[in-house]
Amino acid sequence: MRKRSVYFVVLIFILLIFVNVSFSLPPPEPLSSFQCSGGVASIGDTKSDVVEKCGEPNHVTKIRGEIKEQWSYFTEDRKLYYLEFERGKLERIESSEY
């Protein structure tokens, strides 16, 4: 019975540490710009502005025909950037690691 109590206390301690760490991390925030080799793509840029600064995207996904598109760029530092355009203007930038 004593051994079981020790395991229970250790389990509770580990859970408390996990909860404390997970709540102390800041939530991810959307990006306002994307640094490219030819400049900085920013919210509000047109598709042609972004192509001029960053080159052609690695992948394009059309979400609602010509109204909404998502462009993907892979970088050498193992990051993936998603640029979302609506009606030809850059509306949102997100990144993740791969």
PDB file of N, CA and C in Angstrom:
ATOM      1  N   MET A   1       0.821  -1.196   0.000  1.00  0.00           N
ATOM      2  CA  MET A   1       0.000   0.000   0.000  1.00  0.00           C
ATOM      3  C   MET A   1       0.864   1.259   0.000  1.00  0.00           C
ATOM      4  N   ARG A   2       1.954   1.237   0.707  1.00  0.00           N
ATOM      5  CA  ARG A   2       2.841   2.387   0.804  1.00  0.00           C
ATOM      6  C   ARG A   2       3.462   2.714  -0.557  1.00  0.00           C
ATOM      7  N   LYS A   3       3.845   1.697  -1.305  1.00  0.00           N
ATOM      8  CA  LYS A   3       4.438   1.886  -2.617  1.00  0.00           C
ATOM      9  C   LYS A   3       3.436   2.543  -3.569  1.00  0.00           C
ATOM     10  N   ARG A   4       2.205   2.156  -3.479  1.00  0.00           N
ATOM     11  CA  ARG A   4       1.150   2.723  -4.307  1.00  0.00           C
ATOM     12  C   ARG A   4       0.958   4.215  -4.012  1.00  0.00           C
ATOM     13  N   SER A   5       1.039   4.611  -2.772  1.00  0.00           N
ATOM     14  CA  SER A   5       0.904   6.024  -2.378  1.00  0.00           C
ATOM     15  C   SER A   5       2.040   6.863  -2.951  1.00  0.00           C
ATOM     16  N   VAL A   6       3.241   6.305  -2.949  1.00  0.00           N
ATOM     17  CA  VAL A   6       4.393   7.024  -3.490  1.00  0.00           C
ATOM     18  C   VAL A   6       4.205   7.242  -4.996  1.00  0.00           C
ATOM     19  N   TYR A   7       3.767   6.200  -5.705  1.00  0.00           N
ATOM     20  CA  TYR A   7       3.503   6.339  -7.136  1.00  0.00           C
ATOM     21  C   TYR A   7       2.440   7.392  -7.410  1.00  0.00           C
ATOM     22  N   PHE A   8       1.425   7.415  -6.600  1.00  0.00           N
ATOM     23  CA  PHE A   8       0.340   8.382  -6.758  1.00  0.00           C
ATOM     24  C   PHE A   8       0.860   9.807  -6.567  1.00  0.00           C
ATOM     25  N   VAL A   9       1.656  10.030  -5.557  1.00  0.00           N
ATOM     26  CA  VAL A   9       2.214  11.367  -5.288  1.00  0.00           C
ATOM     27  C   VAL A   9       3.131  11.794  -6.437  1.00  0.00           C
ATOM     28  N   VAL A  10       3.952  10.883  -6.933  1.00  0.00           N
ATOM     29  CA  VAL A  10       4.852  11.202  -8.042  1.00  0.00           C
ATOM     30  C   VAL A  10       4.039  11.540  -9.289  1.00  0.00           C
ATOM     31  N   LEU A  11       2.996  10.782  -9.554  1.00  0.00           N
ATOM     32  CA  LEU A  11       2.135  11.051 -10.703  1.00  0.00           C
ATOM     33  C   LEU A  11       1.490  12.430 -10.606  1.00  0.00           C
ATOM     34  N   ILE A  12       0.966  12.774  -9.457  1.00  0.00           N
ATOM     35  CA  ILE A  12       0.363  14.094  -9.239  1.00  0.00           C
ATOM     36  C   ILE A  12       1.406  15.192  -9.446  1.00  0.00           C
ATOM     37  N   PHE A  13       2.599  14.996  -8.935  1.00  0.00           N
ATOM     38  CA  PHE A  13       3.675  15.972  -9.079  1.00  0.00           C
ATOM     39  C   PHE A  13       4.014  16.191 -10.559  1.00  0.00           C
ATOM     40  N   ILE A  14       4.127  15.108 -11.317  1.00  0.00           N
ATOM     41  CA  ILE A  14       4.435  15.205 -12.749  1.00  0.00           C
ATOM     42  C   ILE A  14       3.312  15.930 -13.489  1.00  0.00           C
ATOM     43  N   LEU A  15       2.075  15.613 -13.184  1.00  0.00           N
ATOM     44  CA  LEU A  15       0.942  16.293 -13.815  1.00  0.00           C
ATOM     45  C   LEU A  15       0.937  17.781 -13.512  1.00  0.00           C
ATOM     46  N   LEU A  16       1.247  18.154 -12.285  1.00  0.00           N
ATOM     47  CA  LEU A  16       1.294  19.574 -11.923  1.00  0.00           C
ATOM     48  C   LEU A  16       2.388  20.310 -12.690  1.00  0.00           C
ATOM     49  N   ILE A  17       3.530  19.672 -12.854  1.00  0.00           N
ATOM     50  CA  ILE A  17       4.614  20.287 -13.628  1.00  0.00           C
ATOM     51  C   ILE A  17       4.175  20.460 -15.079  1.00  0.00           C
ATOM     52  N   PHE A  18       3.564  19.425 -15.665  1.00  0.00           N
ATOM     53  CA  PHE A  18       3.099  19.493 -17.050  1.00  0.00           C
ATOM     54  C   PHE A  18       2.079  20.610 -17.238  1.00  0.00           C
ATOM     55  N   VAL A  19       1.124  20.722 -16.342  1.00  0.00           N
ATOM     56  CA  VAL A  19       0.092  21.755 -16.448  1.00  0.00           C
ATOM     57  C   VAL A  19       0.724  23.134 -16.316  1.00  0.00           C
ATOM     58  N   ASN A  20       1.658  23.296 -15.408  1.00  0.00           N
ATOM     59  CA  ASN A  20       2.322  24.587 -15.209  1.00  0.00           C
ATOM     60  C   ASN A  20       3.103  24.994 -16.460  1.00  0.00           C
ATOM     61  N   VAL A  21       3.825  24.063 -17.061  1.00  0.00           N
ATOM     62  CA  VAL A  21       4.614  24.371 -18.253  1.00  0.00           C
ATOM     63  C   VAL A  21       3.702  24.689 -19.435  1.00  0.00           C
ATOM     64  N   SER A  22       2.645  23.907 -19.636  1.00  0.00           N
ATOM     65  CA  SER A  22       1.793  24.133 -20.800  1.00  0.00           C
ATOM     66  C   SER A  22       1.028  25.446 -20.721  1.00  0.00           C
ATOM     67  N   PHE A  23       0.680  25.895 -19.525  1.00  0.00           N
ATOM     68  CA  PHE A  23      -0.030  27.164 -19.406  1.00  0.00           C
ATOM     69  C   PHE A  23       0.906  28.365 -19.404  1.00  0.00           C
ATOM     70  N   SER A  24       2.191  28.145 -19.203  1.00  0.00           N
ATOM     71  CA  SER A  24       3.120  29.266 -19.181  1.00  0.00           C
ATOM     72  C   SER A  24       3.653  29.620 -20.570  1.00  0.00           C
ATOM     73  N   LEU A  25       3.442  28.741 -21.566  1.00  0.00           N
ATOM     74  CA  LEU A  25       3.897  29.039 -22.921  1.00  0.00           C
ATOM     75  C   LEU A  25       2.961  30.033 -23.594  1.00  0.00           C
ATOM     76  N   PRO A  26       3.502  31.019 -24.289  1.00  0.00           N
ATOM     77  CA  PRO A  26       2.627  31.988 -24.968  1.00  0.00           C
ATOM     78  C   PRO A  26       1.940  31.341 -26.162  1.00  0.00           C
ATOM     79  N   PRO A  27       0.723  31.748 -26.473  1.00  0.00           N
ATOM     80  CA  PRO A  27       0.041  31.193 -27.633  1.00  0.00           C
ATOM     81  C   PRO A  27       0.700  31.699 -28.920  1.00  0.00           C
ATOM     82  N   PRO A  28       0.693  30.900 -29.983  1.00  0.00           N
ATOM     83  CA  PRO A  28       1.295  31.368 -31.239  1.00  0.00           C
ATOM     84  C   PRO A  28       0.515  32.547 -31.802  1.00  0.00           C
ATOM     85  N   GLU A  29       1.239  33.486 -32.389  1.00  0.00           N
ATOM     86  CA  GLU A  29       0.602  34.668 -32.970  1.00  0.00           C
ATOM     87  C   GLU A  29       0.807  34.656 -34.477  1.00  0.00           C
ATOM     88  N   PRO A  30      -0.182  35.143 -35.220  1.00  0.00           N
ATOM     89  CA  PRO A  30       0.022  35.257 -36.669  1.00  0.00           C
ATOM     90  C   PRO A  30       1.136  36.255 -36.957  1.00  0.00           C
ATOM     91  N   LEU A  31       1.841  36.034 -38.030  1.00  0.00           N
ATOM     92  CA  LEU A  31       2.943  36.923 -38.410  1.00  0.00           C
ATOM     93  C   LEU A  31       2.413  38.089 -39.238  1.00  0.00           C
ATOM     94  N   SER A  32       3.130  39.215 -39.195  1.00  0.00           N
ATOM     95  CA  SER A  32       2.732  40.374 -39.991  1.00  0.00           C
ATOM     96  C   SER A  32       3.613  40.534 -41.223  1.00  0.00           C
ATOM     97  N   SER A  33       4.717  39.747 -41.277  1.00  0.00           N
ATOM     98  CA  SER A  33       5.598  39.829 -42.435  1.00  0.00           C
ATOM     99  C   SER A  33       6.369  38.520 -42.604  1.00  0.00           C
ATOM    100  N   PHE A  34       6.977  38.377 -43.774  1.00  0.00           N
ATOM    101  CA  PHE A  34       7.749  37.195 -44.136  1.00  0.00           C
ATOM    102  C   PHE A  34       9.009  37.678 -44.846  1.00  0.00           C
ATOM    103  N   GLN A  35      10.185  37.406 -44.262  1.00  0.00           N
ATOM    104  CA  GLN A  35      11.460  37.831 -44.834  1.00  0.00           C
ATOM    105  C   GLN A  35      11.847  36.906 -45.984  1.00  0.00           C
ATOM    106  N   CYS A  36      11.988  37.484 -47.164  1.00  0.00           N
ATOM    107  CA  CYS A  36      12.366  36.727 -48.359  1.00  0.00           C
ATOM    108  C   CYS A  36      13.738  37.190 -48.829  1.00  0.00           C
ATOM    109  N   SER A  37      14.273  36.490 -49.803  1.00  0.00           N
ATOM    110  CA  SER A  37      15.586  36.871 -50.326  1.00  0.00           C
ATOM    111  C   SER A  37      15.561  38.232 -51.028  1.00  0.00           C
ATOM    112  N   GLY A  38      14.382  38.619 -51.564  1.00  0.00           N
ATOM    113  CA  GLY A  38      14.297  39.879 -52.289  1.00  0.00           C
ATOM    114  C   GLY A  38      13.590  40.992 -51.540  1.00  0.00           C
ATOM    115  N   GLY A  39      13.317  40.793 -50.257  1.00  0.00           N
ATOM    116  CA  GLY A  39      12.640  41.823 -49.469  1.00  0.00           C
ATOM    117  C   GLY A  39      11.740  41.212 -48.415  1.00  0.00           C
ATOM    118  N   VAL A  40      10.794  42.001 -47.948  1.00  0.00           N
ATOM    119  CA  VAL A  40       9.882  41.561 -46.900  1.00  0.00           C
ATOM    120  C   VAL A  40       8.458  41.618 -47.434  1.00  0.00           C
ATOM    121  N   ALA A  41       7.784  40.476 -47.436  1.00  0.00           N
ATOM    122  CA  ALA A  41       6.371  40.425 -47.821  1.00  0.00           C
ATOM    123  C   ALA A  41       5.553  40.755 -46.579  1.00  0.00           C
ATOM    124  N   SER A  42       4.611  41.681 -46.718  1.00  0.00           N
ATOM    125  CA  SER A  42       3.822  42.140 -45.580  1.00  0.00           C
ATOM    126  C   SER A  42       2.335  42.053 -45.885  1.00  0.00           C
ATOM    127  N   ILE A  43       1.540  42.016 -44.815  1.00  0.00           N
ATOM    128  CA  ILE A  43       0.093  42.022 -44.959  1.00  0.00           C
ATOM    129  C   ILE A  43      -0.303  43.218 -45.822  1.00  0.00           C
ATOM    130  N   GLY A  44      -1.176  42.987 -46.796  1.00  0.00           N
ATOM    131  CA  GLY A  44      -1.616  44.048 -47.700  1.00  0.00           C
ATOM    132  C   GLY A  44      -0.918  44.032 -49.044  1.00  0.00           C
ATOM    133  N   ASP A  45       0.224  43.325 -49.138  1.00  0.00           N
ATOM    134  CA  ASP A  45       0.924  43.226 -50.421  1.00  0.00           C
ATOM    135  C   ASP A  45       0.055  42.472 -51.427  1.00  0.00           C
ATOM    136  N   THR A  46       0.239  42.790 -52.700  1.00  0.00           N
ATOM    137  CA  THR A  46      -0.453  42.055 -53.757  1.00  0.00           C
ATOM    138  C   THR A  46       0.332  40.782 -54.080  1.00  0.00           C
ATOM    139  N   LYS A  47      -0.300  39.887 -54.841  1.00  0.00           N
ATOM    140  CA  LYS A  47       0.382  38.655 -55.239  1.00  0.00           C
ATOM    141  C   LYS A  47       1.628  38.966 -56.060  1.00  0.00           C
ATOM    142  N   SER A  48       1.534  39.957 -56.943  1.00  0.00           N
ATOM    143  CA  SER A  48       2.707  40.303 -57.760  1.00  0.00           C
ATOM    144  C   SER A  48       3.831  40.882 -56.907  1.00  0.00           C
ATOM    145  N   ASP A  49       3.483  41.658 -55.853  1.00  0.00           N
ATOM    146  CA  ASP A  49       4.507  42.166 -54.924  1.00  0.00           C
ATOM    147  C   ASP A  49       5.255  41.009 -54.271  1.00  0.00           C
ATOM    148  N   VAL A  50       4.492  40.006 -53.812  1.00  0.00           N
ATOM    149  CA  VAL A  50       5.099  38.867 -53.110  1.00  0.00           C
ATOM    150  C   VAL A  50       5.974  38.056 -54.060  1.00  0.00           C
ATOM    151  N   VAL A  51       5.528  37.842 -55.302  1.00  0.00           N
ATOM    152  CA  VAL A  51       6.341  37.106 -56.275  1.00  0.00           C
ATOM    153  C   VAL A  51       7.626  37.863 -56.561  1.00  0.00           C
ATOM    154  N   GLU A  52       7.543  39.185 -56.656  1.00  0.00           N
ATOM    155  CA  GLU A  52       8.731  40.007 -56.899  1.00  0.00           C
ATOM    156  C   GLU A  52       9.735  39.882 -55.743  1.00  0.00           C
ATOM    157  N   LYS A  53       9.243  39.838 -54.511  1.00  0.00           N
ATOM    158  CA  LYS A  53      10.124  39.780 -53.340  1.00  0.00           C
ATOM    159  C   LYS A  53      10.582  38.363 -53.005  1.00  0.00           C
ATOM    160  N   CYS A  54       9.689  37.391 -53.176  1.00  0.00           N
ATOM    161  CA  CYS A  54       9.958  36.029 -52.682  1.00  0.00           C
ATOM    162  C   CYS A  54      10.091  34.980 -53.775  1.00  0.00           C
ATOM    163  N   GLY A  55       9.765  35.336 -55.001  1.00  0.00           N
ATOM    164  CA  GLY A  55       9.768  34.347 -56.068  1.00  0.00           C
ATOM    165  C   GLY A  55       8.461  33.568 -56.081  1.00  0.00           C
ATOM    166  N   GLU A  56       8.390  32.620 -57.001  1.00  0.00           N
ATOM    167  CA  GLU A  56       7.185  31.789 -57.112  1.00  0.00           C
ATOM    168  C   GLU A  56       7.070  30.883 -55.883  1.00  0.00           C
ATOM    169  N   PRO A  57       5.855  30.639 -55.398  1.00  0.00           N
ATOM    170  CA  PRO A  57       5.684  29.761 -54.238  1.00  0.00           C
ATOM    171  C   PRO A  57       5.977  28.305 -54.599  1.00  0.00           C
ATOM    172  N   ASN A  58       6.281  27.492 -53.579  1.00  0.00           N
ATOM    173  CA  ASN A  58       6.492  26.065 -53.792  1.00  0.00           C
ATOM    174  C   ASN A  58       5.184  25.346 -54.109  1.00  0.00           C
ATOM    175  N   HIS A  59       4.098  25.864 -53.573  1.00  0.00           N
ATOM    176  CA  HIS A  59       2.800  25.219 -53.784  1.00  0.00           C
ATOM    177  C   HIS A  59       1.702  26.279 -53.649  1.00  0.00           C
ATOM    178  N   VAL A  60       0.659  26.139 -54.493  1.00  0.00           N
ATOM    179  CA  VAL A  60      -0.496  27.037 -54.435  1.00  0.00           C
ATOM    180  C   VAL A  60      -1.748  26.186 -54.270  1.00  0.00           C
ATOM    181  N   THR A  61      -2.587  26.554 -53.306  1.00  0.00           N
ATOM    182  CA  THR A  61      -3.871  25.895 -53.094  1.00  0.00           C
ATOM    183  C   THR A  61      -4.966  26.926 -53.292  1.00  0.00           C
ATOM    184  N   LYS A  62      -5.853  26.671 -54.223  1.00  0.00           N
ATOM    185  CA  LYS A  62      -6.990  27.568 -54.445  1.00  0.00           C
ATOM    186  C   LYS A  62      -8.105  27.136 -53.506  1.00  0.00           C
ATOM    187  N   ILE A  63      -8.554  28.061 -52.667  1.00  0.00           N
ATOM    188  CA  ILE A  63      -9.570  27.729 -51.669  1.00  0.00           C
ATOM    189  C   ILE A  63     -10.962  28.028 -52.185  1.00  0.00           C
ATOM    190  N   ARG A  64     -11.160  29.182 -52.742  1.00  0.00           N
ATOM    191  CA  ARG A  64     -12.462  29.538 -53.331  1.00  0.00           C
ATOM    192  C   ARG A  64     -12.226  30.153 -54.701  1.00  0.00           C
ATOM    193  N   GLY A  65     -11.843  29.302 -55.649  1.00  0.00           N
ATOM    194  CA  GLY A  65     -11.592  29.789 -56.997  1.00  0.00           C
ATOM    195  C   GLY A  65     -10.519  30.849 -57.037  1.00  0.00           C
ATOM    196  N   GLU A  66     -10.842  31.959 -57.616  1.00  0.00           N
ATOM    197  CA  GLU A  66      -9.887  33.066 -57.719  1.00  0.00           C
ATOM    198  C   GLU A  66      -9.993  34.027 -56.540  1.00  0.00           C
ATOM    199  N   ILE A  67     -10.936  33.793 -55.628  1.00  0.00           N
ATOM    200  CA  ILE A  67     -11.144  34.714 -54.509  1.00  0.00           C
ATOM    201  C   ILE A  67     -10.098  34.509 -53.415  1.00  0.00           C
ATOM    202  N   LYS A  68      -9.798  33.244 -53.084  1.00  0.00           N
ATOM    203  CA  LYS A  68      -8.892  32.966 -51.965  1.00  0.00           C
ATOM    204  C   LYS A  68      -7.879  31.896 -52.360  1.00  0.00           C
ATOM    205  N   GLU A  69      -6.599  32.157 -52.028  1.00  0.00           N
ATOM    206  CA  GLU A  69      -5.519  31.212 -52.311  1.00  0.00           C
ATOM    207  C   GLU A  69      -4.588  31.134 -51.121  1.00  0.00           C
ATOM    208  N   GLN A  70      -3.941  29.975 -50.983  1.00  0.00           N
ATOM    209  CA  GLN A  70      -2.905  29.812 -49.963  1.00  0.00           C
ATOM    210  C   GLN A  70      -1.619  29.411 -50.674  1.00  0.00           C
ATOM    211  N   TRP A  71      -0.569  30.199 -50.462  1.00  0.00           N
ATOM    212  CA  TRP A  71       0.731  29.918 -51.045  1.00  0.00           C
ATOM    213  C   TRP A  71       1.633  29.348 -49.963  1.00  0.00           C
ATOM    214  N   SER A  72       2.467  28.393 -50.338  1.00  0.00           N
ATOM    215  CA  SER A  72       3.410  27.777 -49.393  1.00  0.00           C
ATOM    216  C   SER A  72       4.839  28.026 -49.857  1.00  0.00           C
ATOM    217  N   TYR A  73       5.682  28.417 -48.917  1.00  0.00           N
ATOM    218  CA  TYR A  73       7.112  28.605 -49.159  1.00  0.00           C
ATOM    219  C   TYR A  73       7.883  27.769 -48.150  1.00  0.00           C
ATOM    220  N   PHE A  74       8.854  26.981 -48.635  1.00  0.00           N
ATOM    221  CA  PHE A  74       9.742  26.211 -47.771  1.00  0.00           C
ATOM    222  C   PHE A  74      11.066  26.950 -47.700  1.00  0.00           C
ATOM    223  N   THR A  75      11.616  27.102 -46.511  1.00  0.00           N
ATOM    224  CA  THR A  75      12.887  27.812 -46.357  1.00  0.00           C
ATOM    225  C   THR A  75      13.994  26.835 -45.988  1.00  0.00           C
ATOM    226  N   GLU A  76      15.239  27.286 -46.136  1.00  0.00           N
ATOM    227  CA  GLU A  76      16.398  26.443 -45.826  1.00  0.00           C
ATOM    228  C   GLU A  76      16.518  26.144 -44.332  1.00  0.00           C
ATOM    229  N   ASP A  77      15.955  26.989 -43.481  1.00  0.00           N
ATOM    230  CA  ASP A  77      16.041  26.755 -42.038  1.00  0.00           C
ATOM    231  C   ASP A  77      14.884  25.881 -41.531  1.00  0.00           C
ATOM    232  N   ARG A  78      14.327  25.060 -42.436  1.00  0.00           N
ATOM    233  CA  ARG A  78      13.301  24.063 -42.119  1.00  0.00           C
ATOM    234  C   ARG A  78      12.008  24.678 -41.595  1.00  0.00           C
ATOM    235  N   LYS A  79      11.627  25.805 -42.188  1.00  0.00           N
ATOM    236  CA  LYS A  79      10.352  26.424 -41.851  1.00  0.00           C
ATOM    237  C   LYS A  79       9.455  26.422 -43.075  1.00  0.00           C
ATOM    238  N   LEU A  80       8.180  26.336 -42.804  1.00  0.00           N
ATOM    239  CA  LEU A  80       7.162  26.362 -43.846  1.00  0.00           C
ATOM    240  C   LEU A  80       6.296  27.580 -43.587  1.00  0.00           C
ATOM    241  N   TYR A  81       6.170  28.441 -44.580  1.00  0.00           N
ATOM    242  CA  TYR A  81       5.356  29.645 -44.447  1.00  0.00           C
ATOM    243  C   TYR A  81       4.125  29.514 -45.325  1.00  0.00           C
ATOM    244  N   TYR A  82       2.978  29.812 -44.739  1.00  0.00           N
ATOM    245  CA  TYR A  82       1.710  29.837 -45.461  1.00  0.00           C
ATOM    246  C   TYR A  82       1.287  31.290 -45.619  1.00  0.00           C
ATOM    247  N   LEU A  83       1.091  31.715 -46.845  1.00  0.00           N
ATOM    248  CA  LEU A  83       0.625  33.070 -47.126  1.00  0.00           C
ATOM    249  C   LEU A  83      -0.762  32.955 -47.730  1.00  0.00           C
ATOM    250  N   GLU A  84      -1.725  33.564 -47.086  1.00  0.00           N
ATOM    251  CA  GLU A  84      -3.111  33.473 -47.541  1.00  0.00           C
ATOM    252  C   GLU A  84      -3.536  34.792 -48.185  1.00  0.00           C
ATOM    253  N   PHE A  85      -4.013  34.681 -49.414  1.00  0.00           N
ATOM    254  CA  PHE A  85      -4.450  35.839 -50.183  1.00  0.00           C
ATOM    255  C   PHE A  85      -5.959  35.810 -50.339  1.00  0.00           C
ATOM    256  N   GLU A  86      -6.562  36.969 -50.257  1.00  0.00           N
ATOM    257  CA  GLU A  86      -7.980  37.098 -50.557  1.00  0.00           C
ATOM    258  C   GLU A  86      -8.139  38.265 -51.510  1.00  0.00           C
ATOM    259  N   ARG A  87      -8.775  37.974 -52.646  1.00  0.00           N
ATOM    260  CA  ARG A  87      -8.956  38.962 -53.719  1.00  0.00           C
ATOM    261  C   ARG A  87      -7.629  39.619 -54.120  1.00  0.00           C
ATOM    262  N   GLY A  88      -6.567  38.804 -54.162  1.00  0.00           N
ATOM    263  CA  GLY A  88      -5.272  39.273 -54.642  1.00  0.00           C
ATOM    264  C   GLY A  88      -4.403  39.978 -53.628  1.00  0.00           C
ATOM    265  N   LYS A  89      -4.872  40.154 -52.394  1.00  0.00           N
ATOM    266  CA  LYS A  89      -4.096  40.843 -51.351  1.00  0.00           C
ATOM    267  C   LYS A  89      -3.712  39.855 -50.243  1.00  0.00           C
ATOM    268  N   LEU A  90      -2.492  40.017 -49.723  1.00  0.00           N
ATOM    269  CA  LEU A  90      -2.013  39.165 -48.636  1.00  0.00           C
ATOM    270  C   LEU A  90      -2.762  39.502 -47.349  1.00  0.00           C
ATOM    271  N   GLU A  91      -3.485  38.519 -46.811  1.00  0.00           N
ATOM    272  CA  GLU A  91      -4.331  38.718 -45.634  1.00  0.00           C
ATOM    273  C   GLU A  91      -3.775  38.081 -44.367  1.00  0.00           C
ATOM    274  N   ARG A  92      -2.992  36.987 -44.523  1.00  0.00           N
ATOM    275  CA  ARG A  92      -2.563  36.249 -43.340  1.00  0.00           C
ATOM    276  C   ARG A  92      -1.250  35.523 -43.641  1.00  0.00           C
ATOM    277  N   ILE A  93      -0.363  35.481 -42.637  1.00  0.00           N
ATOM    278  CA  ILE A  93       0.899  34.768 -42.739  1.00  0.00           C
ATOM    279  C   ILE A  93       1.044  33.887 -41.510  1.00  0.00           C
ATOM    280  N   GLU A  94       1.344  32.609 -41.722  1.00  0.00           N
ATOM    281  CA  GLU A  94       1.585  31.673 -40.622  1.00  0.00           C
ATOM    282  C   GLU A  94       2.834  30.886 -40.935  1.00  0.00           C
ATOM    283  N   SER A  95       3.481  30.352 -39.903  1.00  0.00           N
ATOM    284  CA  SER A  95       4.668  29.528 -40.137  1.00  0.00           C
ATOM    285  C   SER A  95       4.639  28.315 -39.218  1.00  0.00           C
ATOM    286  N   SER A  96       5.365  27.294 -39.634  1.00  0.00           N
ATOM    287  CA  SER A  96       5.574  26.108 -38.807  1.00  0.00           C
ATOM    288  C   SER A  96       6.906  25.495 -39.226  1.00  0.00           C
ATOM    289  N   GLU A  97       7.420  24.625 -38.386  1.00  0.00           N
ATOM    290  CA  GLU A  97       8.663  23.947 -38.701  1.00  0.00           C
ATOM    291  C   GLU A  97       8.356  22.574 -39.267  1.00  0.00           C
ATOM    292  N   TYR A  98       9.223  22.077 -40.125  1.00  0.00           N
ATOM    293  CA  TYR A  98       9.041  20.723 -40.666  1.00  0.00           C
ATOM    294  C   TYR A  98      10.286  19.912 -40.485  1.00  0.00           C
TER     295      TYR A  98
END
